[in-house]
N, C-alpha and C. Protein backbone atom coordinates (compact mmCIF):
# COMPACT_ATOMS: atom_id res chain seq x y z
N UNK A 1 16.18 7.69 -0.69
CA UNK A 1 14.57 7.18 -1.09
C UNK A 1 14.53 6.62 0.96
N UNK A 2 16.06 5.90 1.20
CA UNK A 2 15.52 4.85 1.89
C UNK A 2 15.36 6.26 3.43
N UNK A 3 16.60 7.33 3.08
CA UNK A 3 16.33 8.69 4.23
C UNK A 3 15.65 9.62 3.87
N UNK A 4 14.78 9.88 3.03
CA UNK A 4 13.21 10.22 3.00
C UNK A 4 12.59 9.43 3.77
N UNK A 5 12.08 7.84 4.31
CA UNK A 5 11.10 7.18 4.42
C UNK A 5 11.35 7.14 5.83
N UNK A 6 12.93 7.34 6.67
CA UNK A 6 13.32 7.24 7.89
C UNK A 6 13.03 8.64 8.22
N UNK A 7 13.06 9.87 7.41
CA UNK A 7 12.94 11.12 8.14
C UNK A 7 11.08 11.01 8.08
N UNK A 8 10.28 10.55 7.62
CA UNK A 8 9.34 10.93 7.52
C UNK A 8 8.40 9.75 8.43
N UNK A 9 9.12 8.78 8.68
CA UNK A 9 8.47 7.50 9.17
C UNK A 9 9.25 7.44 10.17
N UNK A 10 9.80 8.50 10.92
CA UNK A 10 10.53 8.59 13.03
C UNK A 10 10.01 9.74 13.56
N UNK A 11 9.60 9.05 14.84
CA UNK A 11 9.53 10.72 15.51
C UNK A 11 10.73 11.29 15.70
N UNK A 12 10.39 12.92 15.45
CA UNK A 12 11.94 13.60 15.64
C UNK A 12 11.35 15.02 16.67
N UNK A 13 10.31 14.80 17.35
CA UNK A 13 10.11 16.09 17.98
C UNK A 13 9.53 15.62 19.28
N UNK A 14 10.23 14.70 19.66
CA UNK A 14 9.93 14.27 21.45
C UNK A 14 8.81 12.61 21.53
N UNK A 15 7.68 13.64 20.86
CA UNK A 15 6.89 12.21 20.38
C UNK A 15 7.58 10.92 20.59
N UNK A 16 7.12 9.70 21.12
CA UNK A 16 7.23 8.39 20.39
C UNK A 16 5.89 7.60 20.37
N UNK A 17 5.76 6.30 20.34
CA UNK A 17 4.56 5.24 20.02
C UNK A 17 3.87 5.16 21.48
N UNK A 18 4.95 5.12 22.74
CA UNK A 18 3.70 4.93 23.67
C UNK A 18 3.67 5.89 24.12
N UNK A 19 3.60 7.37 23.58
CA UNK A 19 3.06 8.18 24.31
C UNK A 19 1.73 8.78 22.94
N UNK A 20 2.22 8.21 21.86
CA UNK A 20 1.03 8.55 20.90
C UNK A 20 -0.38 7.47 21.05
N UNK A 21 0.11 6.49 21.70
CA UNK A 21 -0.90 5.26 21.42
C UNK A 21 -1.37 5.31 22.97
N UNK A 22 -2.81 4.62 22.88
CA UNK A 22 -3.05 4.28 24.47
C UNK A 22 -2.56 3.11 24.67
N UNK A 23 -2.90 3.33 26.29
CA UNK A 23 -1.91 2.45 27.05
C UNK A 23 -2.73 0.95 26.75
N UNK A 24 -4.03 1.06 26.31
CA UNK A 24 -4.75 -0.47 25.92
C UNK A 24 -3.85 -0.94 24.42
N UNK A 25 -4.01 0.31 23.08
CA UNK A 25 -3.59 -0.20 21.75
C UNK A 25 -1.94 -0.70 21.82
N UNK A 26 -1.09 -0.19 22.94
CA UNK A 26 0.24 -0.08 22.99
C UNK A 26 0.79 -1.54 23.72
N UNK A 27 -0.56 -2.04 24.50
CA UNK A 27 -0.40 -3.39 25.33
C UNK A 27 -0.53 -4.71 24.00
N UNK A 28 -1.51 -3.77 23.08
CA UNK A 28 -1.95 -4.82 22.61
C UNK A 28 -1.03 -4.84 21.17
N UNK A 29 0.12 -4.07 21.40
CA UNK A 29 1.31 -4.12 20.66
C UNK A 29 2.03 -4.91 20.91
N UNK A 30 1.77 -4.53 22.14
CA UNK A 30 3.56 -4.73 23.16
C UNK A 30 3.40 -7.06 22.90
N UNK A 31 1.92 -7.52 22.93
CA UNK A 31 1.83 -8.63 23.21
C UNK A 31 1.80 -9.26 21.89
N UNK A 32 1.12 -8.58 20.78
CA UNK A 32 2.02 -8.89 19.28
C UNK A 32 3.48 -9.67 19.07
N UNK A 33 4.29 -8.10 19.80
CA UNK A 33 5.39 -8.10 19.44
C UNK A 33 6.25 -9.20 19.88
N UNK A 34 5.80 -9.79 21.87
CA UNK A 34 6.11 -10.42 22.49
C UNK A 34 6.52 -11.82 21.78
N UNK A 35 4.96 -11.99 21.15
CA UNK A 35 4.59 -13.27 20.24
C UNK A 35 5.54 -13.93 19.06
N UNK A 36 5.94 -12.72 18.46
CA UNK A 36 6.62 -12.52 17.42
C UNK A 36 8.37 -11.96 18.09
N UNK A 37 8.72 -12.56 18.71
CA UNK A 37 10.16 -12.69 19.43
C UNK A 37 10.74 -11.02 19.04
N UNK A 38 10.04 -9.85 19.02
CA UNK A 38 10.36 -8.27 18.86
C UNK A 38 10.34 -7.51 20.29
N UNK A 39 11.15 -7.27 20.61
CA UNK A 39 10.99 -6.11 21.90
C UNK A 39 9.87 -4.98 21.30
N UNK A 40 9.14 -4.30 22.16
CA UNK A 40 8.60 -3.14 21.21
C UNK A 40 9.14 -2.08 21.69
N UNK A 41 9.91 -1.95 22.98
CA UNK A 41 10.48 -0.41 22.85
C UNK A 41 11.23 -0.23 21.66
N UNK A 42 11.98 -1.39 20.84
CA UNK A 42 12.94 -1.18 19.50
C UNK A 42 11.83 -0.28 18.54
N UNK A 43 10.80 -0.44 18.73
CA UNK A 43 9.55 0.56 17.54
C UNK A 43 8.81 1.90 17.77
N UNK A 44 9.41 2.36 19.42
CA UNK A 44 9.02 3.47 20.09
C UNK A 44 9.40 4.74 19.34
N UNK A 45 10.29 4.75 18.80
CA UNK A 45 10.69 6.32 17.39
C UNK A 45 9.59 6.09 16.36
N UNK A 46 9.51 5.20 16.15
CA UNK A 46 8.63 4.70 14.42
C UNK A 46 6.97 5.12 14.70
N UNK A 47 6.92 5.73 13.82
CA UNK A 47 5.51 6.12 13.59
C UNK A 47 4.19 4.93 13.32
N UNK A 48 3.14 5.37 13.44
CA UNK A 48 2.79 3.79 12.92
C UNK A 48 2.53 3.32 12.03
N UNK A 49 2.22 4.06 11.09
CA UNK A 49 2.61 3.43 9.35
C UNK A 49 3.85 2.89 9.35
N UNK A 50 4.82 3.35 10.01
CA UNK A 50 6.21 3.02 9.56
C UNK A 50 6.42 1.16 10.20
N UNK A 51 5.77 1.44 11.78
CA UNK A 51 5.29 0.13 12.92
C UNK A 51 4.90 -0.67 11.68
N UNK A 52 3.77 -0.84 11.02
CA UNK A 52 3.01 -1.78 10.64
C UNK A 52 3.71 -2.15 9.43
N UNK A 53 4.72 -1.50 8.61
CA UNK A 53 5.45 -1.84 7.53
C UNK A 53 6.49 -2.41 7.63
N UNK A 54 6.77 -2.26 9.03
CA UNK A 54 7.96 -2.98 9.51
C UNK A 54 7.63 -4.23 10.05
N UNK A 55 6.27 -4.96 10.77
CA UNK A 55 5.91 -6.11 11.10
C UNK A 55 5.52 -6.31 10.10
N UNK A 56 4.63 -6.19 8.79
CA UNK A 56 4.10 -6.47 7.45
C UNK A 56 5.44 -7.44 6.73
N UNK A 57 7.23 -7.06 7.03
CA UNK A 57 8.02 -7.18 6.38
C UNK A 57 8.79 -8.19 6.98
N UNK A 58 8.75 -7.98 7.97
CA UNK A 58 8.79 -9.16 9.24
C UNK A 58 7.80 -10.67 9.03
N UNK A 59 6.63 -10.54 8.69
CA UNK A 59 5.71 -11.70 8.49
C UNK A 59 5.89 -12.18 7.22
N UNK A 60 5.86 -11.52 6.18
CA UNK A 60 6.32 -12.02 4.77
C UNK A 60 7.65 -12.54 4.79
N UNK A 61 8.65 -12.34 5.46
CA UNK A 61 10.28 -13.00 5.55
C UNK A 61 9.18 -14.47 6.01
N UNK A 62 8.61 -14.41 6.79
CA UNK A 62 8.32 -15.66 7.71
C UNK A 62 7.66 -16.44 6.76
N UNK A 63 6.94 -16.11 5.69
CA UNK A 63 6.35 -15.93 4.86
C UNK A 63 7.25 -16.91 3.35
N UNK A 64 8.86 -16.35 3.53
CA UNK A 64 9.00 -16.88 2.92
C UNK A 64 9.19 -15.87 1.26
N UNK A 65 8.54 -15.15 1.76
CA UNK A 65 8.37 -13.71 0.56
C UNK A 65 9.33 -12.43 -0.11
N UNK A 66 10.02 -12.58 -0.70
CA UNK A 66 11.59 -11.92 -0.56
C UNK A 66 10.61 -10.22 -1.32
N UNK A 67 11.29 -9.25 -1.36
CA UNK A 67 11.02 -7.88 -1.82
C UNK A 67 10.73 -7.66 -3.40
N UNK A 68 10.76 -8.79 -4.19
CA UNK A 68 10.89 -8.80 -5.42
C UNK A 68 9.48 -9.24 -6.29
N UNK A 69 9.17 -8.26 -6.63
CA UNK A 69 7.97 -8.08 -6.82
C UNK A 69 7.45 -7.73 -8.33
N UNK A 70 6.35 -7.70 -8.68
CA UNK A 70 5.94 -7.67 -10.37
C UNK A 70 6.40 -6.50 -10.61
N UNK A 71 6.27 -5.60 -9.67
CA UNK A 71 6.74 -4.30 -10.37
C UNK A 71 8.64 -4.13 -10.50
N UNK A 72 9.11 -5.02 -9.66
CA UNK A 72 10.66 -4.80 -9.60
C UNK A 72 11.07 -5.49 -10.94
N UNK A 73 10.57 -7.03 -11.43
CA UNK A 73 10.49 -7.80 -12.31
C UNK A 73 10.56 -6.73 -13.53
N UNK A 74 9.42 -6.02 -13.56
CA UNK A 74 8.74 -5.54 -14.92
C UNK A 74 9.65 -3.91 -15.38
N UNK A 75 10.57 -3.25 -14.10
CA UNK A 75 11.33 -2.04 -13.98
C UNK A 75 12.64 -2.96 -14.27
N UNK A 76 12.89 -4.38 -14.38
CA UNK A 76 13.92 -4.48 -14.98
C UNK A 76 14.19 -4.70 -15.89
N UNK A 77 13.24 -5.66 -16.40
CA UNK A 77 13.09 -6.05 -17.84
C UNK A 77 12.93 -4.45 -18.66
N UNK A 78 12.41 -3.66 -18.39
CA UNK A 78 12.90 -2.63 -19.37
C UNK A 78 14.06 -1.66 -19.33
N UNK A 79 14.95 -1.90 -18.07
CA UNK A 79 15.54 -1.18 -18.04
C UNK A 79 17.16 -1.90 -18.81
N UNK A 80 17.01 -3.24 -18.56
CA UNK A 80 17.81 -3.96 -19.68
C UNK A 80 17.29 -4.19 -21.25
N UNK A 81 16.35 -4.01 -22.09
CA UNK A 81 16.02 -3.40 -22.74
C UNK A 81 16.29 -1.67 -23.43
N UNK A 82 16.75 -0.78 -22.26
CA UNK A 82 16.56 0.27 -22.98
C UNK A 82 15.67 1.34 -22.84
N UNK A 83 14.03 0.53 -22.50
CA UNK A 83 13.05 1.75 -22.48
C UNK A 83 12.89 2.80 -21.76
N UNK A 84 12.12 3.52 -21.67
CA UNK A 84 12.23 5.06 -20.83
C UNK A 84 11.37 4.64 -20.09
N UNK A 85 11.48 4.89 -18.76
CA UNK A 85 10.07 4.48 -17.72
C UNK A 85 10.04 5.90 -17.08
N UNK A 86 9.16 6.11 -16.86
CA UNK A 86 8.84 7.27 -15.84
C UNK A 86 7.65 7.00 -14.80
N UNK A 87 7.80 7.51 -13.28
CA UNK A 87 6.27 7.09 -12.25
C UNK A 87 5.00 8.66 -13.00
N UNK A 88 4.61 7.73 -12.33
CA UNK A 88 2.89 8.49 -12.02
C UNK A 88 2.62 9.80 -11.25
N UNK A 89 4.14 9.14 -9.92
CA UNK A 89 3.82 10.41 -9.33
C UNK A 89 5.41 10.50 -8.53
N UNK A 90 6.11 11.50 -7.86
CA UNK A 90 7.66 11.32 -7.69
C UNK A 90 7.25 10.35 -6.37
N UNK A 91 8.68 9.81 -6.52
CA UNK A 91 8.95 9.27 -4.89
C UNK A 91 8.67 9.82 -3.62
N UNK A 92 8.73 11.30 -3.44
CA UNK A 92 8.88 11.70 -2.48
C UNK A 92 7.15 12.17 -2.21
N UNK A 93 6.29 11.87 -3.64
CA UNK A 93 4.76 11.96 -2.71
C UNK A 93 4.32 10.89 -2.82
N UNK A 94 4.84 9.85 -3.00
CA UNK A 94 4.44 8.51 -2.93
C UNK A 94 5.30 8.28 -1.25
N UNK A 95 6.21 8.21 -0.48
CA UNK A 95 6.64 8.35 0.62
C UNK A 95 5.40 9.23 1.81
N UNK A 96 5.34 10.17 1.04
CA UNK A 96 4.39 10.78 2.26
C UNK A 96 2.91 10.57 2.42
N UNK A 97 2.51 10.02 0.92
CA UNK A 97 0.85 9.12 0.37
C UNK A 97 1.18 7.88 1.99
N UNK A 98 2.24 7.26 1.97
CA UNK A 98 2.41 6.00 2.55
C UNK A 98 2.68 6.09 3.98
N UNK A 99 3.60 7.48 4.45
CA UNK A 99 4.33 7.48 5.63
C UNK A 99 2.69 8.51 6.43
N UNK A 100 1.77 8.84 5.59
CA UNK A 100 0.51 9.48 6.57
C UNK A 100 -0.58 8.56 6.75
N UNK A 101 -0.34 7.23 7.04
CA UNK A 101 -1.34 6.19 7.15
C UNK A 101 -1.19 6.12 8.58
N UNK A 102 -2.77 6.32 9.09
CA UNK A 102 -3.22 6.31 10.24
C UNK A 102 -3.29 7.56 11.29
N UNK A 103 -2.54 8.81 10.60
CA UNK A 103 -2.39 10.27 11.44
C UNK A 103 -4.34 10.45 12.01
N UNK A 104 -4.48 10.61 12.63
CA UNK A 104 -5.61 10.88 13.34
C UNK A 104 -6.27 9.96 14.19
N UNK A 105 -5.85 8.62 13.16
CA UNK A 105 -6.51 7.43 14.16
C UNK A 105 -5.77 6.63 14.17
N UNK A 106 -4.48 6.63 15.16
CA UNK A 106 -3.52 5.75 15.48
C UNK A 106 -3.55 4.18 16.25
N UNK A 107 -4.53 4.47 16.71
CA UNK A 107 -5.39 3.59 17.72
C UNK A 107 -5.41 2.75 16.91
N UNK A 108 -6.85 2.96 16.60
CA UNK A 108 -7.61 2.20 14.95
C UNK A 108 -6.84 1.24 14.69
N UNK A 109 -5.38 1.94 13.88
CA UNK A 109 -5.11 1.94 12.57
C UNK A 109 -3.85 0.48 13.06
N UNK A 110 -3.45 0.67 14.37
CA UNK A 110 -2.53 -0.39 14.70
C UNK A 110 -3.35 -1.61 15.03
N UNK A 111 -4.60 -1.33 15.84
CA UNK A 111 -5.28 -2.48 16.41
C UNK A 111 -5.71 -3.48 14.79
N UNK A 112 -6.14 -2.40 14.07
CA UNK A 112 -6.97 -3.35 13.19
C UNK A 112 -5.75 -3.86 11.63
N UNK A 113 -4.63 -3.50 12.22
CA UNK A 113 -3.60 -3.78 11.62
C UNK A 113 -3.02 -4.78 11.98
N UNK A 114 -2.80 -5.10 13.51
CA UNK A 114 -2.41 -6.32 14.10
C UNK A 114 -3.30 -7.49 13.65
N UNK A 115 -4.58 -7.52 13.36
CA UNK A 115 -5.36 -8.43 13.25
C UNK A 115 -5.11 -8.69 11.81
N UNK A 116 -4.86 -7.72 11.15
CA UNK A 116 -4.54 -8.24 9.55
C UNK A 116 -3.09 -9.08 9.60
N UNK A 117 -2.45 -8.68 10.75
CA UNK A 117 -0.77 -9.17 10.75
C UNK A 117 -1.05 -10.56 10.58
N UNK A 118 -2.21 -10.85 11.91
CA UNK A 118 -2.45 -12.32 12.08
C UNK A 118 -2.42 -13.07 11.54
N UNK A 119 -3.60 -12.83 10.03
CA UNK A 119 -4.27 -13.28 9.30
C UNK A 119 -2.96 -13.11 7.92
N UNK A 120 -2.16 -12.92 8.29
CA UNK A 120 -1.05 -12.51 6.75
C UNK A 120 -1.03 -13.64 5.58
N UNK A 121 -1.22 -14.69 6.24
CA UNK A 121 -0.95 -15.75 5.32
C UNK A 121 -2.52 -15.87 4.21
N UNK A 122 -3.36 -16.45 4.85
CA UNK A 122 -4.42 -16.24 4.39
C UNK A 122 -4.84 -15.19 3.10
N UNK A 123 -5.13 -13.94 4.22
CA UNK A 123 -5.19 -12.66 2.82
C UNK A 123 -4.70 -12.68 2.28
N UNK A 124 -2.96 -12.81 2.31
CA UNK A 124 -2.69 -12.92 0.99
C UNK A 124 -2.59 -13.53 -0.28
N UNK A 125 -3.01 -15.30 0.42
CA UNK A 125 -2.78 -16.04 -0.15
C UNK A 125 -4.48 -15.74 -0.83
N UNK A 126 -5.19 -15.05 -0.65
CA UNK A 126 -6.74 -14.71 -1.16
C UNK A 126 -6.80 -13.76 -2.10
N UNK A 127 -5.68 -12.84 -1.90
CA UNK A 127 -5.46 -11.52 -2.57
C UNK A 127 -4.34 -12.10 -4.14
N UNK A 128 -3.49 -13.06 -4.06
CA UNK A 128 -2.87 -13.47 -4.74
C UNK A 128 -3.58 -14.11 -5.87
N UNK A 129 -4.28 -14.77 -4.94
CA UNK A 129 -5.70 -15.99 -5.80
C UNK A 129 -6.38 -14.91 -6.74
N UNK A 130 -7.24 -13.94 -6.26
CA UNK A 130 -8.10 -13.46 -7.09
C UNK A 130 -6.71 -12.54 -7.65
N UNK A 131 -6.03 -11.99 -7.32
CA UNK A 131 -5.08 -10.93 -9.01
C UNK A 131 -5.03 -12.13 -9.91
N UNK A 132 -4.72 -13.15 -9.53
CA UNK A 132 -4.18 -14.04 -10.96
C UNK A 132 -5.55 -14.15 -11.96
N UNK A 133 -6.75 -14.65 -11.53
CA UNK A 133 -7.70 -14.78 -11.57
C UNK A 133 -8.75 -13.56 -12.36
N UNK A 134 -8.29 -12.28 -11.98
CA UNK A 134 -8.41 -10.79 -12.17
C UNK A 134 -9.77 -11.19 -12.39
N UNK A 135 -10.07 -11.35 -10.69
CA UNK A 135 -11.61 -11.04 -9.66
C UNK A 135 -11.66 -9.79 -9.35
N UNK A 136 -12.39 -8.91 -10.00
CA UNK A 136 -12.47 -7.46 -9.30
C UNK A 136 -13.20 -7.47 -8.18
N UNK A 137 -14.23 -7.88 -8.36
CA UNK A 137 -15.57 -7.89 -7.46
C UNK A 137 -14.67 -8.83 -5.76
N UNK A 138 -13.80 -9.49 -6.07
CA UNK A 138 -13.38 -10.01 -5.04
C UNK A 138 -11.97 -9.37 -4.36
N UNK A 139 -11.32 -8.35 -5.23
CA UNK A 139 -10.11 -7.62 -5.02
C UNK A 139 -11.00 -6.71 -4.54
N UNK A 140 -11.43 -6.05 -4.91
CA UNK A 140 -12.16 -5.31 -3.95
C UNK A 140 -12.95 -5.13 -2.58
N UNK A 141 -13.96 -6.36 -2.78
CA UNK A 141 -14.19 -7.19 -1.24
C UNK A 141 -13.12 -7.44 -0.26
N UNK A 142 -11.67 -7.80 -0.85
CA UNK A 142 -10.71 -8.02 0.16
C UNK A 142 -9.64 -7.26 0.43
N UNK A 143 -9.50 -5.68 -0.39
CA UNK A 143 -8.86 -5.10 -0.44
C UNK A 143 -9.48 -3.55 -0.48
N UNK A 144 -10.23 -2.82 -0.79
CA UNK A 144 -10.53 -1.63 -0.46
C UNK A 144 -12.09 -1.65 0.08
N UNK A 145 -12.97 -2.68 0.57
CA UNK A 145 -14.35 -2.19 1.13
C UNK A 145 -13.82 -2.05 2.54
N UNK A 146 -12.66 -2.75 2.99
CA UNK A 146 -12.40 -2.84 4.64
C UNK A 146 -11.69 -1.57 4.38
N UNK A 147 -10.79 -0.76 3.93
CA UNK A 147 -10.23 -0.20 3.89
C UNK A 147 -11.38 1.53 3.97
N UNK A 148 -12.34 1.20 2.85
CA UNK A 148 -13.17 2.22 2.86
C UNK A 148 -13.80 2.38 4.12
N UNK A 149 -14.35 1.18 5.15
CA UNK A 149 -14.91 1.25 6.27
C UNK A 149 -14.57 1.43 7.01
N UNK A 150 -13.22 1.25 7.62
CA UNK A 150 -12.39 1.20 8.51
C UNK A 150 -11.61 2.45 8.75
N UNK A 151 -10.89 3.40 6.89
CA UNK A 151 -10.35 3.85 7.38
C UNK A 151 -10.40 4.78 6.11
N UNK A 152 -11.78 5.73 5.98
CA UNK A 152 -12.31 6.77 5.22
C UNK A 152 -11.11 7.78 4.77
N UNK A 153 -10.57 8.39 5.35
CA UNK A 153 -10.01 9.59 5.04
C UNK A 153 -8.54 8.82 4.47
N UNK A 154 -8.13 7.80 4.90
CA UNK A 154 -7.08 6.83 4.11
C UNK A 154 -6.92 6.45 3.03
N UNK A 155 -8.10 5.99 2.94
CA UNK A 155 -9.09 5.58 1.42
C UNK A 155 -9.30 6.69 0.22
N UNK A 156 -9.40 7.96 0.92
CA UNK A 156 -9.44 8.79 -0.37
C UNK A 156 -8.09 9.33 -0.44
N UNK A 157 -7.31 9.78 0.37
CA UNK A 157 -5.68 10.37 -0.22
C UNK A 157 -4.90 8.94 -0.88
N UNK A 158 -4.84 7.76 0.01
CA UNK A 158 -4.11 6.89 -1.00
C UNK A 158 -4.70 6.08 -1.96
N UNK A 159 -6.06 6.10 -1.92
CA UNK A 159 -6.33 5.11 -3.52
C UNK A 159 -7.15 6.50 -4.25
N UNK A 160 -8.58 6.88 -3.95
CA UNK A 160 -8.79 7.89 -4.78
C UNK A 160 -8.43 8.94 -5.23
N UNK A 161 -7.61 9.77 -4.66
CA UNK A 161 -7.09 11.36 -4.76
C UNK A 161 -5.94 10.79 -5.95
N UNK A 162 -5.49 9.61 -5.74
CA UNK A 162 -4.52 9.05 -6.01
C UNK A 162 -4.54 9.18 -8.38
N UNK A 163 -5.56 7.68 -7.71
CA UNK A 163 -6.05 7.72 -8.91
C UNK A 163 -6.77 8.52 -9.71
N UNK A 164 -7.36 9.84 -9.36
CA UNK A 164 -7.50 10.87 -9.80
C UNK A 164 -6.44 11.36 -10.79
N UNK A 165 -5.84 11.93 -10.25
CA UNK A 165 -4.14 12.61 -10.23
C UNK A 165 -3.60 11.57 -11.46
N UNK A 166 -3.50 10.62 -11.27
CA UNK A 166 -3.14 9.28 -12.89
C UNK A 166 -3.65 9.21 -13.97
N UNK A 167 -4.74 9.30 -13.45
CA UNK A 167 -5.64 9.62 -14.44
C UNK A 167 -4.93 10.24 -15.93
N UNK A 168 -4.80 11.60 -15.58
CA UNK A 168 -4.67 12.83 -16.65
C UNK A 168 -3.51 12.31 -17.10
N UNK A 169 -2.89 11.42 -16.64
CA UNK A 169 -1.21 11.51 -17.28
C UNK A 169 -1.59 10.27 -18.04
N UNK A 170 -2.22 9.29 -17.57
CA UNK A 170 -2.65 7.54 -18.42
C UNK A 170 -2.64 8.45 -19.76
N UNK A 171 -4.37 8.95 -19.31
CA UNK A 171 -4.91 9.71 -21.21
C UNK A 171 -3.95 10.24 -21.27
N UNK A 172 -3.74 10.69 -21.21
CA UNK A 172 -1.81 11.72 -22.03
C UNK A 172 -1.16 10.60 -22.75
N UNK A 173 -0.76 9.41 -21.88
CA UNK A 173 0.06 8.27 -22.74
C UNK A 173 -1.05 7.43 -23.97
N UNK A 174 -2.33 7.47 -23.75
CA UNK A 174 -2.77 7.08 -24.96
C UNK A 174 -3.45 7.72 -25.91
N UNK A 175 -3.29 9.07 -25.79
CA UNK A 175 -3.54 9.53 -26.65
C UNK A 175 -1.83 9.50 -27.87
N UNK A 176 -1.02 8.98 -27.17
CA UNK A 176 0.48 9.02 -28.42
C UNK A 176 0.93 7.86 -28.74
N UNK A 177 1.49 7.98 -30.24
CA UNK A 177 1.51 7.27 -31.10
C UNK A 177 2.37 5.80 -30.30
N UNK A 178 2.96 5.97 -29.67
CA UNK A 178 3.59 4.92 -28.91
C UNK A 178 2.76 3.90 -27.96
N UNK A 179 3.68 2.82 -27.62
CA UNK A 179 2.90 1.83 -26.50
C UNK A 179 3.03 1.75 -25.43
N UNK A 180 2.66 2.45 -24.42
CA UNK A 180 3.01 2.51 -22.79
C UNK A 180 2.21 0.91 -22.03
N UNK A 181 3.33 0.58 -21.67
CA UNK A 181 3.45 -0.18 -20.20
C UNK A 181 2.43 0.09 -19.15
N UNK A 182 1.49 0.23 -17.99
CA UNK A 182 1.37 1.00 -17.36
C UNK A 182 1.12 0.40 -16.20
N UNK A 183 1.83 0.59 -15.10
CA UNK A 183 2.01 -0.59 -13.79
C UNK A 183 1.53 0.38 -13.10
N UNK A 184 0.45 -0.39 -12.15
CA UNK A 184 -0.27 0.37 -10.89
C UNK A 184 -0.19 -0.68 -9.87
N UNK A 185 -0.56 -0.73 -8.83
CA UNK A 185 -1.01 -1.89 -7.29
C UNK A 185 -2.34 -2.24 -7.60
N UNK A 186 -2.45 -3.28 -7.29
CA UNK A 186 -4.23 -4.09 -7.85
C UNK A 186 -5.43 -3.41 -6.88
N UNK A 187 -4.78 -2.49 -6.26
CA UNK A 187 -5.52 -1.61 -4.90
C UNK A 187 -6.21 -0.57 -6.48
N UNK A 188 -5.33 -0.19 -6.91
CA UNK A 188 -5.64 1.03 -8.16
C UNK A 188 -6.89 0.87 -9.44
N UNK A 189 -7.27 -0.61 -9.15
CA UNK A 189 -7.60 -1.02 -10.59
C UNK A 189 -8.79 -0.68 -10.47
N UNK A 190 -9.33 -1.06 -9.11
CA UNK A 190 -10.60 -2.02 -8.43
C UNK A 190 -11.72 -0.68 -8.03
N UNK A 191 -13.03 -1.20 -8.15
CA UNK A 191 -13.80 0.02 -7.12
C UNK A 191 -14.36 1.01 -8.40
N UNK A 192 -15.48 1.66 -7.67
CA UNK A 192 -15.71 2.62 -8.12
C UNK A 192 -14.66 4.10 -8.73
N UNK A 193 -14.08 3.60 -7.94
CA UNK A 193 -13.24 4.76 -7.67
C UNK A 193 -11.89 4.45 -8.14
N UNK A 194 -11.39 2.86 -9.24
CA UNK A 194 -10.53 2.64 -9.67
C UNK A 194 -10.31 3.35 -11.08
N UNK A 195 -8.67 3.03 -11.67
CA UNK A 195 -8.29 3.30 -12.91
C UNK A 195 -9.24 2.50 -14.10
N UNK A 196 -9.57 1.55 -13.72
CA UNK A 196 -10.44 0.52 -14.80
C UNK A 196 -11.76 1.22 -14.67
N UNK A 197 -12.63 1.66 -14.09
CA UNK A 197 -13.91 1.75 -14.23
C UNK A 197 -13.73 3.75 -14.57
N UNK A 198 -13.08 4.52 -14.26
CA UNK A 198 -12.89 5.86 -14.88
C UNK A 198 -12.27 5.96 -16.15
N UNK A 199 -11.73 4.73 -16.85
CA UNK A 199 -10.99 4.49 -18.10
C UNK A 199 -12.75 4.41 -18.83
N UNK A 200 -13.42 3.35 -17.94
CA UNK A 200 -14.55 3.01 -18.65
C UNK A 200 -15.49 3.93 -18.79
N UNK A 201 -15.79 4.65 -17.74
CA UNK A 201 -16.39 5.87 -18.07
C UNK A 201 -16.17 6.71 -18.82
N UNK A 202 -14.89 6.68 -19.20
CA UNK A 202 -14.80 8.56 -20.13
C UNK A 202 -14.74 7.87 -21.54
N UNK A 203 -14.82 6.68 -21.44
CA UNK A 203 -15.23 5.98 -23.65
C UNK A 203 -14.58 4.57 -23.44
N UNK A 204 -13.46 4.61 -22.89
CA UNK A 204 -12.27 3.60 -23.05
C UNK A 204 -13.09 2.22 -23.44
N UNK A 205 -12.51 1.13 -24.08
CA UNK A 205 -13.01 -0.38 -24.33
C UNK A 205 -12.04 -1.04 -23.38
N UNK A 206 -12.35 -1.46 -22.69
CA UNK A 206 -11.11 -2.80 -21.28
C UNK A 206 -11.32 -3.63 -21.37
N UNK A 207 -10.18 -4.19 -21.63
CA UNK A 207 -9.98 -5.90 -21.86
C UNK A 207 -8.85 -6.36 -21.35
N UNK A 208 -8.96 -7.35 -20.97
CA UNK A 208 -7.85 -7.99 -20.08
C UNK A 208 -7.24 -9.34 -20.77
N UNK A 209 -6.26 -9.08 -20.63
CA UNK A 209 -4.93 -9.92 -21.13
C UNK A 209 -5.19 -11.28 -20.26
N UNK A 210 -5.67 -12.77 -20.78
CA UNK A 210 -5.61 -13.70 -20.48
C UNK A 210 -3.75 -14.31 -20.18
């Protein structure tokens, strides 16, 4: 998986970040990196998606947040209990979606991302609070609405299209005699293109677990 991420997230065709970004955007990135103690030239071979993921990882480290999230917790629990685990999509397809972030709008993607990175603590606290409260409207306004406005193409491919593909598989699970536990990122649950809304429209009754 790491090899696949590097292969798709790194320029290997003679391009580099300083050539892809406009001088103004590259300077915005340089200033942010300097303030964070990161030499900007160390990111030159990375595509914008990989740059943002790298910088986000560093910001999360500053906040004392490690890589063990809800998904890892339940994956470990299922493994320990010998339960069957399936993915809603392949690892390769997921990496392709994530690594495509910012394609065609690299300058806007980097500049908007840096604005968000500067407010990582507040954004994260707000998202976690809304998630714990099950506040669908707040989650939508914090996460989905800005993406739909600023990156409509990214929203279509990263959220809406994948939700539709997953839905057919989820419906098949619901028709089996077994009980399946389905875990997705919270951004896939809310909004009119969210899995919850799709299921409601399909006639399913949705109940929140307290």
